[in-house]
C-alpha atoms as a PDB file:
ATOM      1  CA  GLY A   1       4.065  22.885   4.076  1.00  0.00           C
ATOM      2  CA  ASN A   2       3.798  23.415   0.346  1.00  0.00           C
ATOM      3  CA  PRO A   3       0.269  22.654  -0.924  1.00  0.00           C
ATOM      4  CA  ASP A   4       1.700  22.164  -4.414  1.00  0.00           C
ATOM      5  CA  ASN A   5       4.144  19.465  -3.275  1.00  0.00           C
ATOM      6  CA  ILE A   6       2.046  16.961  -1.329  1.00  0.00           C
ATOM      7  CA  THR A   7       3.260  13.348  -1.195  1.00  0.00           C
ATOM      8  CA  LEU A   8       0.898  10.588  -0.125  1.00  0.00           C
ATOM      9  CA  PHE A   9       2.391   7.400   1.221  1.00  0.00           C
ATOM     10  CA  GLY A  10       0.974   4.364   2.941  1.00  0.00           C
ATOM     11  CA  GLN A  11       1.667   0.721   3.685  1.00  0.00           C
ATOM     12  CA  SER A  12      -0.613  -2.343   3.519  1.00  0.00           C
ATOM     13  CA  ALA A  13      -4.178  -1.061   4.024  1.00  0.00           C
ATOM     14  CA  GLY A  14      -2.653   2.417   3.900  1.00  0.00           C
ATOM     15  CA  ALA A  15      -1.278   1.607   0.453  1.00  0.00           C
ATOM     16  CA  ILE A  16      -4.794   0.758  -0.696  1.00  0.00           C
ATOM     17  CA  SER A  17      -5.960   4.110   0.684  1.00  0.00           C
ATOM     18  CA  VAL A  18      -3.227   5.864  -1.300  1.00  0.00           C
ATOM     19  CA  GLN A  19      -4.208   4.133  -4.531  1.00  0.00           C
ATOM     20  CA  THR A  20      -7.853   4.962  -3.878  1.00  0.00           C
ATOM     21  CA  LEU A  21      -7.022   8.647  -3.545  1.00  0.00           C
ATOM     22  CA  ILE A  22      -4.793   8.793  -6.635  1.00  0.00           C
ATOM     23  CA  SER A  23      -7.588   7.050  -8.579  1.00  0.00           C
ATOM     24  CA  SER A  24     -10.380   9.355  -7.416  1.00  0.00           C
ATOM     25  CA  PRO A  25     -11.637  12.290  -9.498  1.00  0.00           C
ATOM     26  CA  THR A  26     -12.206  14.174  -6.229  1.00  0.00           C
ATOM     27  CA  THR A  27      -8.452  14.635  -5.645  1.00  0.00           C
ATOM     28  CA  ARG A  28      -7.294  15.673  -9.112  1.00  0.00           C
ATOM     29  CA  GLY A  29      -4.530  18.259  -8.892  1.00  0.00           C
ATOM     30  CA  MET A  30      -4.054  17.878  -5.139  1.00  0.00           C
ATOM     31  CA  ILE A  31      -1.347  15.193  -5.049  1.00  0.00           C
ATOM     32  CA  ALA A  32       2.181  15.671  -6.391  1.00  0.00           C
ATOM     33  CA  LYS A  33       3.676  12.212  -5.680  1.00  0.00           C
ATOM     34  CA  ALA A  34       2.697   8.903  -4.114  1.00  0.00           C
ATOM     35  CA  ILE A  35       4.415   5.959  -2.410  1.00  0.00           C
ATOM     36  CA  ILE A  36       2.621   2.591  -2.270  1.00  0.00           C
ATOM     37  CA  GLN A  37       4.149  -0.005   0.076  1.00  0.00           C
ATOM     38  CA  SER A  38       3.082  -3.683   0.207  1.00  0.00           C
ATOM     39  CA  GLY A  39      -0.436  -3.212  -1.041  1.00  0.00           C
ATOM     40  CA  ALA A  40      -2.563  -2.241  -4.050  1.00  0.00           C
ATOM     41  CA  GLY A  41      -0.873  -2.023  -7.447  1.00  0.00           C
ATOM     42  CA  VAL A  42      -2.845  -4.158  -9.925  1.00  0.00           C
ATOM     43  CA  ASP A  43      -4.843  -7.279  -8.981  1.00  0.00           C
ATOM     44  CA  ASP A  44      -4.048  -6.930  -5.282  1.00  0.00           C
ATOM     45  CA  PRO A  45      -4.607 -10.383  -3.735  1.00  0.00           C
ATOM     46  CA  ILE A  46      -5.806  -9.253  -0.318  1.00  0.00           C
ATOM     47  CA  PHE A  47      -8.852  -7.064  -0.808  1.00  0.00           C
ATOM     48  CA  LYS A  48     -11.852  -6.946  -3.054  1.00  0.00           C
ATOM     49  CA  HIS A  49     -14.038  -3.990  -3.899  1.00  0.00           C
ATOM     50  CA  LYS A  50     -17.529  -3.648  -2.538  1.00  0.00           C
ATOM     51  CA  THR A  51     -20.571  -2.344  -4.297  1.00  0.00           C
ATOM     52  CA  VAL A  52     -22.612   0.312  -2.536  1.00  0.00           C
ATOM     53  CA  GLU A  53     -25.236  -2.349  -1.786  1.00  0.00           C
ATOM     54  CA  GLU A  54     -22.651  -4.669  -0.205  1.00  0.00           C
ATOM     55  CA  ALA A  55     -21.268  -1.817   1.886  1.00  0.00           C
ATOM     56  CA  TYR A  56     -24.765  -1.029   3.184  1.00  0.00           C
ATOM     57  CA  GLU A  57     -25.332  -4.711   4.008  1.00  0.00           C
ATOM     58  CA  THR A  58     -22.096  -4.838   6.012  1.00  0.00           C
ATOM     59  CA  GLY A  59     -23.010  -1.639   7.842  1.00  0.00           C
ATOM     60  CA  GLU A  60     -26.462  -2.928   8.737  1.00  0.00           C
ATOM     61  CA  GLU A  61     -25.014  -6.213  10.012  1.00  0.00           C
ATOM     62  CA  ILE A  62     -22.517  -4.349  12.197  1.00  0.00           C
ATOM     63  CA  MET A  63     -25.297  -2.193  13.637  1.00  0.00           C
ATOM     64  CA  LYS A  64     -27.277  -5.296  14.578  1.00  0.00           C
ATOM     65  CA  LEU A  65     -24.283  -6.986  16.201  1.00  0.00           C
ATOM     66  CA  VAL A  66     -23.485  -3.972  18.396  1.00  0.00           C
ATOM     67  CA  GLY A  67     -27.097  -3.014  19.062  1.00  0.00           C
ATOM     68  CA  ALA A  68     -26.990   0.386  17.362  1.00  0.00           C
ATOM     69  CA  LYS A  69     -30.264   1.645  15.906  1.00  0.00           C
ATOM     70  CA  ASN A  70     -28.845   4.497  13.830  1.00  0.00           C
ATOM     71  CA  ILE A  71     -25.577   5.987  12.613  1.00  0.00           C
ATOM     72  CA  GLN A  72     -25.379   8.377  15.563  1.00  0.00           C
ATOM     73  CA  ALA A  73     -25.547   5.450  17.997  1.00  0.00           C
ATOM     74  CA  LEU A  74     -22.979   3.506  15.973  1.00  0.00           C
ATOM     75  CA  ARG A  75     -20.509   6.380  16.274  1.00  0.00           C
ATOM     76  CA  GLN A  76     -20.673   6.073  20.068  1.00  0.00           C
ATOM     77  CA  ILE A  77     -19.670   2.395  20.115  1.00  0.00           C
ATOM     78  CA  PRO A  78     -16.190   1.801  21.637  1.00  0.00           C
ATOM     79  CA  ALA A  79     -13.571   0.836  19.056  1.00  0.00           C
ATOM     80  CA  GLN A  80     -12.736  -2.423  20.838  1.00  0.00           C
ATOM     81  CA  LYS A  81     -16.341  -3.583  20.612  1.00  0.00           C
ATOM     82  CA  LEU A  82     -16.248  -3.079  16.851  1.00  0.00           C
ATOM     83  CA  VAL A  83     -13.021  -5.083  16.643  1.00  0.00           C
ATOM     84  CA  ASP A  84     -14.526  -7.899  18.716  1.00  0.00           C
ATOM     85  CA  ILE A  85     -17.482  -8.425  16.386  1.00  0.00           C
ATOM     86  CA  LEU A  86     -15.483  -8.572  13.141  1.00  0.00           C
ATOM     87  CA  PRO A  87     -15.103 -12.400  13.123  1.00  0.00           C
ATOM     88  CA  LYS A  88     -18.890 -12.694  13.450  1.00  0.00           C
ATOM     89  CA  LEU A  89     -19.595 -10.890  10.211  1.00  0.00           C
ATOM     90  CA  SER A  90     -21.065 -13.268   7.651  1.00  0.00           C
ATOM     91  CA  LYS A  91     -18.855 -12.113   4.770  1.00  0.00           C
ATOM     92  CA  HIS A  92     -15.595 -12.260   6.691  1.00  0.00           C
ATOM     93  CA  ASP A  93     -13.175 -14.365   4.582  1.00  0.00           C
ATOM     94  CA  ASN A  94      -9.740 -13.461   5.994  1.00  0.00           C
ATOM     95  CA  ARG A  95      -9.286 -10.683   3.452  1.00  0.00           C
ATOM     96  CA  LEU A  96      -9.679  -7.005   4.223  1.00  0.00           C
ATOM     97  CA  LEU A  97     -13.295  -6.615   5.266  1.00  0.00           C
ATOM     98  CA  PHE A  98     -13.391  -2.889   4.604  1.00  0.00           C
ATOM     99  CA  GLY A  99     -12.094  -1.481   1.362  1.00  0.00           C
ATOM    100  CA  PRO A 100     -12.798   0.846  -1.524  1.00  0.00           C
ATOM    101  CA  VAL A 101     -16.422   1.114  -2.603  1.00  0.00           C
ATOM    102  CA  VAL A 102     -17.239   1.850  -6.230  1.00  0.00           C
ATOM    103  CA  ASP A 103     -19.836   4.508  -5.484  1.00  0.00           C
ATOM    104  CA  GLY A 104     -19.646   6.603  -8.653  1.00  0.00           C
ATOM    105  CA  PHE A 105     -18.358   9.581  -6.694  1.00  0.00           C
ATOM    106  CA  VAL A 106     -15.092   8.816  -4.883  1.00  0.00           C
ATOM    107  CA  LEU A 107     -14.449   5.886  -7.232  1.00  0.00           C
ATOM    108  CA  GLU A 108     -16.012   5.527 -10.656  1.00  0.00           C
ATOM    109  CA  ASP A 109     -14.628   2.002 -11.206  1.00  0.00           C
ATOM    110  CA  THR A 110     -12.367  -0.557  -9.519  1.00  0.00           C
ATOM    111  CA  LEU A 111      -8.744   0.363  -8.830  1.00  0.00           C
ATOM    112  CA  ASP A 112      -7.604  -2.286 -11.309  1.00  0.00           C
ATOM    113  CA  GLU A 113      -9.761  -0.991 -14.150  1.00  0.00           C
ATOM    114  CA  LEU A 114      -8.808   2.621 -13.500  1.00  0.00           C
ATOM    115  CA  ALA A 115      -5.105   1.699 -13.533  1.00  0.00           C
ATOM    116  CA  LYS A 116      -5.521  -0.312 -16.733  1.00  0.00           C
ATOM    117  CA  ARG A 117      -7.224   2.642 -18.430  1.00  0.00           C
ATOM    118  CA  GLY A 118      -4.573   5.037 -17.190  1.00  0.00           C
ATOM    119  CA  ASP A 119      -7.224   6.907 -15.242  1.00  0.00           C
ATOM    120  CA  VAL A 120      -5.021   7.655 -12.242  1.00  0.00           C
ATOM    121  CA  GLN A 121      -3.107  10.797 -11.412  1.00  0.00           C
ATOM    122  CA  ASN A 122      -0.137  11.303 -13.710  1.00  0.00           C
ATOM    123  CA  ILE A 123       2.470  11.810 -11.004  1.00  0.00           C
ATOM    124  CA  PRO A 124       5.744  10.107  -9.995  1.00  0.00           C
ATOM    125  CA  TYR A 125       5.326   6.924  -7.942  1.00  0.00           C
ATOM    126  CA  ILE A 126       7.365   4.651  -5.713  1.00  0.00           C
ATOM    127  CA  ILE A 127       5.812   1.217  -5.300  1.00  0.00           C
ATOM    128  CA  GLY A 128       7.309  -1.833  -3.633  1.00  0.00           C
ATOM    129  CA  ALA A 129       6.936  -4.968  -1.552  1.00  0.00           C
ATOM    130  CA  ASN A 130       8.701  -7.081   1.066  1.00  0.00           C
ATOM    131  CA  GLY A 131      10.251 -10.453   0.332  1.00  0.00           C
ATOM    132  CA  ASN A 132       8.028 -12.270   2.832  1.00  0.00           C
ATOM    133  CA  ASP A 133       4.884 -10.149   2.741  1.00  0.00           C
ATOM    134  CA  PHE A 134       2.835 -13.354   2.726  1.00  0.00           C
ATOM    135  CA  GLY A 135       4.922 -15.177   5.332  1.00  0.00           C
ATOM    136  CA  LEU A 136       7.680 -17.744   5.180  1.00  0.00           C
ATOM    137  CA  GLY A 137       5.310 -20.615   4.472  1.00  0.00           C
ATOM    138  CA  VAL A 138       4.577 -19.453   0.946  1.00  0.00           C
ATOM    139  CA  ASP A 139       6.378 -21.700  -1.543  1.00  0.00           C
ATOM    140  CA  GLU A 140       5.834 -19.390  -4.498  1.00  0.00           C
ATOM    141  CA  PRO A 141       9.141 -17.980  -5.778  1.00  0.00           C
ATOM    142  CA  MET A 142       9.626 -14.300  -5.022  1.00  0.00           C
ATOM    143  CA  ARG A 143       9.565 -13.259  -8.663  1.00  0.00           C
ATOM    144  CA  LYS A 144       6.088 -14.745  -8.975  1.00  0.00           C
ATOM    145  CA  SER A 145       4.758 -13.473  -5.656  1.00  0.00           C
ATOM    146  CA  LYS A 146       1.506 -11.575  -5.757  1.00  0.00           C
ATOM    147  CA  TYR A 147       2.605  -8.192  -4.422  1.00  0.00           C
ATOM    148  CA  TYR A 148       5.787  -8.346  -6.488  1.00  0.00           C
ATOM    149  CA  GLN A 149       3.914  -8.942  -9.743  1.00  0.00           C
ATOM    150  CA  SER A 150       1.264  -6.415  -8.743  1.00  0.00           C
ATOM    151  CA  MET A 151       3.811  -3.607  -8.510  1.00  0.00           C
ATOM    152  CA  ILE A 152       5.458  -4.561 -11.819  1.00  0.00           C
ATOM    153  CA  ASP A 153       2.076  -4.573 -13.552  1.00  0.00           C
ATOM    154  CA  PHE A 154       1.325  -1.107 -12.153  1.00  0.00           C
ATOM    155  CA  ALA A 155       4.658   0.245 -13.437  1.00  0.00           C
ATOM    156  CA  ASN A 156       4.121  -1.305 -16.863  1.00  0.00           C
ATOM    157  CA  LEU A 157       0.688   0.298 -17.110  1.00  0.00           C
ATOM    158  CA  ARG A 158       2.068   3.717 -16.187  1.00  0.00           C
ATOM    159  CA  ASN A 159       4.653   3.300 -18.958  1.00  0.00           C
ATOM    160  CA  GLU A 160       1.996   2.200 -21.460  1.00  0.00           C
ATOM    161  CA  HIS A 161       0.088   5.392 -20.723  1.00  0.00           C
ATOM    162  CA  HIS A 162       3.260   7.517 -20.969  1.00  0.00           C
ATOM    163  CA  GLY A 163       3.051   8.426 -17.320  1.00  0.00           C
ATOM    164  CA  LYS A 164       5.662  10.120 -15.179  1.00  0.00           C
ATOM    165  CA  PRO A 165       8.414   7.929 -13.665  1.00  0.00           C
ATOM    166  CA  THR A 166       7.551   4.952 -11.477  1.00  0.00           C
ATOM    167  CA  TYR A 167      10.260   3.619  -9.167  1.00  0.00           C
ATOM    168  CA  LEU A 168      10.134   0.046  -7.852  1.00  0.00           C
ATOM    169  CA  TYR A 169      11.776  -1.498  -4.792  1.00  0.00           C
ATOM    170  CA  LEU A 170      12.001  -4.814  -2.980  1.00  0.00           C
ATOM    171  CA  PHE A 171      12.777  -4.900   0.743  1.00  0.00           C
ATOM    172  CA  ASN A 172      14.351  -8.298   1.330  1.00  0.00           C
ATOM    173  CA  ARG A 173      16.472  -7.808   4.447  1.00  0.00           C
ATOM    174  CA  LYS A 174      15.962 -10.839   6.695  1.00  0.00           C
ATOM    175  CA  LEU A 175      15.675  -9.211  10.099  1.00  0.00           C
ATOM    176  CA  PRO A 176      18.145 -10.384  12.769  1.00  0.00           C
ATOM    177  CA  SER A 177      17.344 -12.350  15.956  1.00  0.00           C
ATOM    178  CA  ASP A 178      14.915 -14.907  14.482  1.00  0.00           C
ATOM    179  CA  ASP A 179      13.814 -16.555  11.237  1.00  0.00           C
ATOM    180  CA  ALA A 180      10.859 -14.287  10.404  1.00  0.00           C
ATOM    181  CA  GLY A 181      12.508 -13.014   7.231  1.00  0.00           C
ATOM    182  CA  ALA A 182      11.501  -9.782   5.473  1.00  0.00           C
ATOM    183  CA  PHE A 183       7.974  -9.976   6.826  1.00  0.00           C
ATOM    184  CA  HIS A 184       4.997  -7.701   6.170  1.00  0.00           C
ATOM    185  CA  SER A 185       5.612  -4.255   7.758  1.00  0.00           C
ATOM    186  CA  ALA A 186       9.269  -5.038   8.588  1.00  0.00           C
ATOM    187  CA  GLU A 187      10.496  -2.141   6.451  1.00  0.00           C
ATOM    188  CA  LEU A 188       8.725   0.453   8.597  1.00  0.00           C
ATOM    189  CA  TRP A 189      11.423   0.429  11.306  1.00  0.00           C
ATOM    190  CA  TYR A 190      13.975   1.197   8.587  1.00  0.00           C
ATOM    191  CA  MET A 191      11.936   3.737   6.655  1.00  0.00           C
ATOM    192  CA  PHE A 192      11.075   5.775   9.765  1.00  0.00           C
ATOM    193  CA  GLY A 193      14.575   5.475  11.239  1.00  0.00           C
ATOM    194  CA  THR A 194      13.323   3.789  14.426  1.00  0.00           C
ATOM    195  CA  LEU A 195      15.557   0.694  14.558  1.00  0.00           C
ATOM    196  CA  SER A 196      16.734   1.608  18.062  1.00  0.00           C
ATOM    197  CA  ARG A 197      13.182   1.097  19.350  1.00  0.00           C
ATOM    198  CA  CYS A 198      13.003  -2.465  18.039  1.00  0.00           C
ATOM    199  CA  TRP A 199      13.749  -5.376  20.399  1.00  0.00           C
ATOM    200  CA  ARG A 200      15.895  -7.065  17.753  1.00  0.00           C
ATOM    201  CA  GLU A 201      19.688  -6.908  17.871  1.00  0.00           C
ATOM    202  CA  MET A 202      20.188  -4.727  14.835  1.00  0.00           C
ATOM    203  CA  GLU A 203      23.509  -4.764  13.027  1.00  0.00           C
ATOM    204  CA  VAL A 204      25.570  -2.075  11.294  1.00  0.00           C
ATOM    205  CA  ARG A 205      24.109  -3.303   8.023  1.00  0.00           C
ATOM    206  CA  ASP A 206      20.567  -2.589   9.258  1.00  0.00           C
ATOM    207  CA  TYR A 207      21.381   1.024  10.115  1.00  0.00           C
ATOM    208  CA  LYS A 208      22.943   1.448   6.675  1.00  0.00           C
ATOM    209  CA  ILE A 209      19.754   0.185   5.008  1.00  0.00           C
ATOM    210  CA  SER A 210      17.707   2.522   7.201  1.00  0.00           C
ATOM    211  CA  ASP A 211      19.822   5.529   6.192  1.00  0.00           C
ATOM    212  CA  GLU A 212      19.393   4.590   2.523  1.00  0.00           C
ATOM    213  CA  MET A 213      15.618   4.285   2.830  1.00  0.00           C
ATOM    214  CA  VAL A 214      15.168   7.506   4.808  1.00  0.00           C
ATOM    215  CA  SER A 215      17.294   9.348   2.247  1.00  0.00           C
ATOM    216  CA  ALA A 216      15.417   7.878  -0.739  1.00  0.00           C
ATOM    217  CA  TRP A 217      11.949   8.561   0.684  1.00  0.00           C
ATOM    218  CA  THR A 218      12.766  12.152   1.685  1.00  0.00           C
ATOM    219  CA  ASN A 219      14.538  12.888  -1.611  1.00  0.00           C
ATOM    220  CA  PHE A 220      11.484  11.656  -3.490  1.00  0.00           C
ATOM    221  CA  MET A 221       9.188  13.833  -1.394  1.00  0.00           C
ATOM    222  CA  LYS A 222      11.325  16.895  -2.028  1.00  0.00           C
ATOM    223  CA  SER A 223      12.351  16.477  -5.656  1.00  0.00           C
ATOM    224  CA  SER A 224      10.279  13.612  -7.179  1.00  0.00           C
ATOM    225  CA  GLU A 225      13.447  11.509  -7.509  1.00  0.00           C
ATOM    226  CA  PRO A 226      14.623   9.009  -4.850  1.00  0.00           C
ATOM    227  CA  GLY A 227      18.279   9.722  -5.540  1.00  0.00           C
ATOM    228  CA  LYS A 228      21.306   8.781  -7.581  1.00  0.00           C
ATOM    229  CA  GLY A 229      21.376   5.187  -8.770  1.00  0.00           C
ATOM    230  CA  TRP A 230      17.662   4.452  -8.433  1.00  0.00           C
ATOM    231  CA  LYS A 231      16.336   4.448 -11.971  1.00  0.00           C
ATOM    232  CA  PRO A 232      12.678   4.431 -13.048  1.00  0.00           C
ATOM    233  CA  TYR A 233      11.217   1.094 -14.115  1.00  0.00           C
ATOM    234  CA  THR A 234      10.749   0.973 -17.886  1.00  0.00           C
ATOM    235  CA  GLU A 235      10.311  -1.669 -20.565  1.00  0.00           C
ATOM    236  CA  GLU A 236      13.926  -1.175 -21.602  1.00  0.00           C
ATOM    237  CA  ASN A 237      15.283  -0.957 -18.048  1.00  0.00           C
ATOM    238  CA  SER A 238      13.482  -3.184 -15.541  1.00  0.00           C
ATOM    239  CA  PHE A 239      15.340  -1.685 -12.571  1.00  0.00           C
ATOM    240  CA  ILE A 240      14.173  -2.603  -9.078  1.00  0.00           C
ATOM    241  CA  ARG A 241      15.955  -1.086  -6.058  1.00  0.00           C
ATOM    242  CA  MET A 242      16.915  -3.844  -3.633  1.00  0.00           C
ATOM    243  CA  PHE A 243      17.158  -3.231   0.104  1.00  0.00           C
ATOM    244  CA  LEU A 244      19.052  -6.288   1.390  1.00  0.00           C
END
């Protein structure tokens, strides 16, 4: 590959990892573009930062629950055992238990504050969300949904700081075969071109959406632009690419 043309992309917790890396001083100059899917942005509703002290407390509690006396012993614990003890952790509150730690080295401040100051890598971005990221039971209108507003706020901040283009999208294709809607992670079958592996009875329309997403993502990785017709989000042109 080309070390001068690296694109990071991730979804959900992976999106938070992407934003952590583009906000870290340790990666300056290493990343050419980034794609953030259904996570992070500004004021992400799912995770909260930890202080170094809180991270140590969580680590010590995990070690006690699995009976590990040191870090070497903890590394030998089977992954499933670690998964099994997660609900027992005292600070478990249905949000992401593990997340970015403001340690003064990898992160000098929270992701929100760094974005607000413009202290993120000045590179092109794609950022988007799914219509039912929070499930069908959420009554909040889509235009006021948390991930949706989070991505708009991120784009507005990049524009305020005269950053390179930021492209926004909304995946709102209600998947066939049931009433689950455009649920969290649904876009991955389309983006990776793996619809044929899904149990759902996909339609011609679904394969068309998949082709459009694969083309846009690969174009962006190659040339920093997702393709003809997808305009950057600006104050004058609040364009959001819809995948329906």
